[in-house]
């Protein structure tokens, strides 16, 4: 089985509980032999692609000229995931 997860936060970028939940769930699935790919927002000093505890993590960077409002940032992030 293959599973793709989309999350705007994933360790080390942690704002609330979502990052920890996605990390724990994806690692548990990978431990059971599921191929897991997490698409998440890029973070400074973190590689765009890496494997963490059997989970393939792909980080994307939304286009952000200056500091957009939250809704604009979310829309840009959604496009970056495509």
N, C-alpha and C. Protein backbone atom coordinates (compact mmCIF):
# COMPACT_ATOMS: atom_id res chain seq x y z
N UNK A 1 0.84 -1.17 0.00
CA UNK A 1 0.00 0.00 0.00
C UNK A 1 0.89 1.24 0.00
N UNK A 2 0.40 2.29 -0.64
CA UNK A 2 1.11 3.57 -0.67
C UNK A 2 0.19 4.66 -0.15
N UNK A 3 0.73 5.53 0.69
CA UNK A 3 -0.05 6.60 1.29
C UNK A 3 0.68 7.92 1.10
N UNK A 4 -0.05 8.95 0.67
CA UNK A 4 0.50 10.31 0.58
C UNK A 4 -0.22 11.17 1.60
N UNK A 5 0.55 11.95 2.35
CA UNK A 5 -0.03 12.86 3.33
C UNK A 5 0.37 14.28 2.96
N UNK A 6 -0.58 15.19 3.08
CA UNK A 6 -0.34 16.61 2.83
C UNK A 6 -0.50 17.34 4.15
N UNK A 7 0.53 18.06 4.56
CA UNK A 7 0.47 18.77 5.83
C UNK A 7 1.30 20.04 5.74
N UNK A 8 0.76 21.13 6.22
CA UNK A 8 1.52 22.37 6.13
C UNK A 8 2.61 22.46 7.20
N UNK A 9 2.64 21.51 8.12
CA UNK A 9 3.76 21.46 9.06
C UNK A 9 4.19 20.01 9.31
N UNK A 10 5.48 19.84 9.47
CA UNK A 10 6.08 18.53 9.74
C UNK A 10 7.43 18.81 10.37
N UNK A 11 7.85 18.05 11.37
CA UNK A 11 9.13 18.34 12.03
C UNK A 11 10.27 18.52 11.02
N UNK A 12 11.12 19.49 11.22
CA UNK A 12 11.29 20.32 12.42
C UNK A 12 10.39 21.55 12.46
N UNK A 13 9.62 21.84 11.40
CA UNK A 13 8.70 22.99 11.42
C UNK A 13 7.45 22.58 12.18
N UNK A 14 7.35 23.04 13.43
CA UNK A 14 6.24 22.66 14.29
C UNK A 14 5.60 23.91 14.87
N UNK A 15 4.31 24.06 14.62
CA UNK A 15 3.57 25.20 15.16
C UNK A 15 2.59 24.72 16.22
N UNK A 16 1.91 23.63 15.93
CA UNK A 16 0.93 23.08 16.87
C UNK A 16 1.08 21.57 16.92
N UNK A 17 -0.04 20.89 17.13
CA UNK A 17 -0.01 19.44 17.25
C UNK A 17 -0.04 18.68 15.94
N UNK A 18 -0.36 19.37 14.83
CA UNK A 18 -0.47 18.69 13.54
C UNK A 18 0.84 18.02 13.15
N UNK A 19 1.95 18.70 13.31
CA UNK A 19 3.25 18.14 12.91
C UNK A 19 3.53 16.83 13.63
N UNK A 20 3.31 16.81 14.92
CA UNK A 20 3.58 15.59 15.70
C UNK A 20 2.63 14.47 15.30
N UNK A 21 1.37 14.80 15.06
CA UNK A 21 0.40 13.78 14.67
C UNK A 21 0.77 13.16 13.32
N UNK A 22 1.08 13.99 12.34
CA UNK A 22 1.45 13.49 11.01
C UNK A 22 2.73 12.67 11.11
N UNK A 23 3.69 13.14 11.90
CA UNK A 23 4.94 12.40 12.07
C UNK A 23 4.68 11.02 12.69
N UNK A 24 3.93 10.98 13.79
CA UNK A 24 3.66 9.71 14.47
C UNK A 24 2.88 8.74 13.58
N UNK A 25 1.85 9.24 12.91
CA UNK A 25 1.03 8.39 12.05
C UNK A 25 1.83 7.86 10.86
N UNK A 26 2.60 8.73 10.21
CA UNK A 26 3.37 8.29 9.05
C UNK A 26 4.46 7.31 9.45
N UNK A 27 5.12 7.52 10.59
CA UNK A 27 6.16 6.60 11.05
C UNK A 27 5.56 5.24 11.42
N UNK A 28 4.38 5.24 12.04
CA UNK A 28 3.72 3.98 12.40
C UNK A 28 3.32 3.20 11.15
N UNK A 29 2.82 3.88 10.15
CA UNK A 29 2.46 3.22 8.90
C UNK A 29 3.69 2.65 8.21
N UNK A 30 4.77 3.44 8.18
CA UNK A 30 6.01 2.97 7.55
C UNK A 30 6.56 1.74 8.27
N UNK A 31 6.43 1.71 9.59
CA UNK A 31 6.91 0.57 10.37
C UNK A 31 6.13 -0.70 10.04
N UNK A 32 4.92 -0.54 9.53
CA UNK A 32 4.09 -1.69 9.13
C UNK A 32 4.27 -2.05 7.66
N UNK A 33 5.24 -1.41 7.02
CA UNK A 33 5.53 -1.75 5.63
C UNK A 33 4.81 -0.92 4.59
N UNK A 34 4.08 0.11 5.03
CA UNK A 34 3.38 0.99 4.09
C UNK A 34 4.38 2.01 3.54
N UNK A 35 4.33 2.26 2.24
CA UNK A 35 5.18 3.29 1.64
C UNK A 35 4.49 4.63 1.87
N UNK A 36 5.13 5.52 2.64
CA UNK A 36 4.52 6.79 3.01
C UNK A 36 5.33 7.95 2.45
N UNK A 37 4.63 8.90 1.83
CA UNK A 37 5.25 10.11 1.31
C UNK A 37 4.51 11.29 1.90
N UNK A 38 5.23 12.17 2.58
CA UNK A 38 4.64 13.36 3.18
C UNK A 38 5.06 14.57 2.36
N UNK A 39 4.07 15.35 1.92
CA UNK A 39 4.32 16.63 1.25
C UNK A 39 4.05 17.71 2.27
N UNK A 40 5.03 18.58 2.48
CA UNK A 40 4.90 19.59 3.52
C UNK A 40 5.61 20.87 3.10
N UNK A 41 5.51 21.88 3.92
CA UNK A 41 6.13 23.17 3.65
C UNK A 41 7.63 23.11 3.98
N UNK A 42 8.42 23.75 3.14
CA UNK A 42 9.86 23.79 3.37
C UNK A 42 10.22 24.60 4.60
N UNK A 43 11.38 24.31 5.14
CA UNK A 43 11.87 25.02 6.32
C UNK A 43 13.35 25.33 6.11
N UNK A 44 13.80 26.41 6.66
CA UNK A 44 15.19 26.83 6.52
C UNK A 44 16.14 25.79 7.10
N UNK A 45 17.16 25.44 6.33
CA UNK A 45 18.17 24.51 6.80
C UNK A 45 17.77 23.05 6.74
N UNK A 46 16.64 22.75 6.11
CA UNK A 46 16.15 21.38 6.00
C UNK A 46 16.14 21.00 4.52
N UNK A 47 16.61 19.80 4.17
CA UNK A 47 16.63 19.41 2.75
C UNK A 47 15.22 19.33 2.16
N UNK A 48 15.13 19.59 0.85
CA UNK A 48 13.83 19.51 0.18
C UNK A 48 13.29 18.09 0.17
N UNK A 49 14.17 17.10 0.08
CA UNK A 49 13.74 15.71 0.10
C UNK A 49 14.63 14.95 1.07
N UNK A 50 14.01 14.14 1.91
CA UNK A 50 14.76 13.29 2.83
C UNK A 50 13.88 12.13 3.27
N UNK A 51 14.49 11.16 3.90
CA UNK A 51 13.73 10.05 4.47
C UNK A 51 13.93 10.06 5.97
N UNK A 52 12.83 10.07 6.71
CA UNK A 52 12.86 10.12 8.17
C UNK A 52 12.09 8.91 8.71
N UNK A 53 12.81 8.01 9.36
CA UNK A 53 12.18 6.80 9.92
C UNK A 53 11.32 6.05 8.91
N UNK A 54 11.83 5.91 7.70
CA UNK A 54 11.11 5.17 6.67
C UNK A 54 10.07 5.97 5.92
N UNK A 55 9.91 7.25 6.26
CA UNK A 55 8.93 8.13 5.62
C UNK A 55 9.66 9.06 4.67
N UNK A 56 9.23 9.08 3.41
CA UNK A 56 9.82 10.00 2.44
C UNK A 56 9.14 11.36 2.61
N UNK A 57 9.95 12.39 2.83
CA UNK A 57 9.42 13.73 3.07
C UNK A 57 9.85 14.63 1.92
N UNK A 58 8.88 15.29 1.29
CA UNK A 58 9.15 16.22 0.19
C UNK A 58 8.63 17.59 0.61
N UNK A 59 9.55 18.55 0.73
CA UNK A 59 9.18 19.90 1.17
C UNK A 59 9.11 20.84 -0.03
N UNK A 60 8.04 21.63 -0.08
CA UNK A 60 7.86 22.60 -1.15
C UNK A 60 7.88 24.00 -0.55
N UNK A 61 8.22 24.97 -1.38
CA UNK A 61 8.31 26.36 -0.94
C UNK A 61 7.32 27.20 -1.73
N UNK A 62 6.27 27.70 -1.08
CA UNK A 62 5.34 28.57 -1.80
C UNK A 62 6.01 29.89 -2.15
N UNK A 63 5.60 30.47 -3.25
CA UNK A 63 6.12 31.77 -3.67
C UNK A 63 5.57 32.82 -2.71
N UNK A 64 6.46 33.53 -2.03
CA UNK A 64 6.01 34.53 -1.06
C UNK A 64 6.79 35.83 -1.22
N UNK A 65 6.31 36.72 -2.07
CA UNK A 65 6.97 38.03 -2.17
C UNK A 65 6.58 38.88 -0.97
N UNK A 66 7.50 39.10 -0.07
CA UNK A 66 7.16 39.81 1.15
C UNK A 66 6.44 38.87 2.10
N UNK A 67 5.56 39.40 2.88
CA UNK A 67 4.81 38.58 3.82
C UNK A 67 3.32 38.69 3.49
N UNK A 68 2.78 37.70 2.78
CA UNK A 68 1.36 37.78 2.43
C UNK A 68 0.48 37.47 3.64
N UNK A 69 -0.78 37.80 3.51
CA UNK A 69 -1.72 37.41 4.56
C UNK A 69 -1.85 35.89 4.56
N UNK A 70 -2.44 35.34 5.59
CA UNK A 70 -2.49 33.89 5.76
C UNK A 70 -3.23 33.20 4.61
N UNK A 71 -4.35 33.76 4.18
CA UNK A 71 -5.13 33.15 3.11
C UNK A 71 -4.31 33.09 1.82
N UNK A 72 -3.61 34.16 1.50
CA UNK A 72 -2.76 34.17 0.30
C UNK A 72 -1.66 33.13 0.43
N UNK A 73 -1.04 33.03 1.61
CA UNK A 73 0.01 32.04 1.82
C UNK A 73 -0.52 30.63 1.62
N UNK A 74 -1.71 30.34 2.16
CA UNK A 74 -2.31 29.01 2.00
C UNK A 74 -2.56 28.71 0.53
N UNK A 75 -3.09 29.68 -0.21
CA UNK A 75 -3.34 29.46 -1.64
C UNK A 75 -2.03 29.19 -2.38
N UNK A 76 -0.98 29.94 -2.06
CA UNK A 76 0.32 29.72 -2.70
C UNK A 76 0.88 28.35 -2.34
N UNK A 77 0.71 27.93 -1.11
CA UNK A 77 1.18 26.62 -0.68
C UNK A 77 0.43 25.52 -1.42
N UNK A 78 -0.89 25.68 -1.57
CA UNK A 78 -1.68 24.69 -2.31
C UNK A 78 -1.17 24.54 -3.74
N UNK A 79 -0.87 25.65 -4.39
CA UNK A 79 -0.35 25.60 -5.76
C UNK A 79 1.02 24.93 -5.77
N UNK A 80 1.85 25.21 -4.78
CA UNK A 80 3.19 24.60 -4.72
C UNK A 80 3.10 23.09 -4.58
N UNK A 81 2.06 22.59 -3.93
CA UNK A 81 1.90 21.15 -3.77
C UNK A 81 1.56 20.46 -5.08
N UNK A 82 1.01 21.21 -6.02
CA UNK A 82 0.68 20.61 -7.32
C UNK A 82 1.96 20.34 -8.05
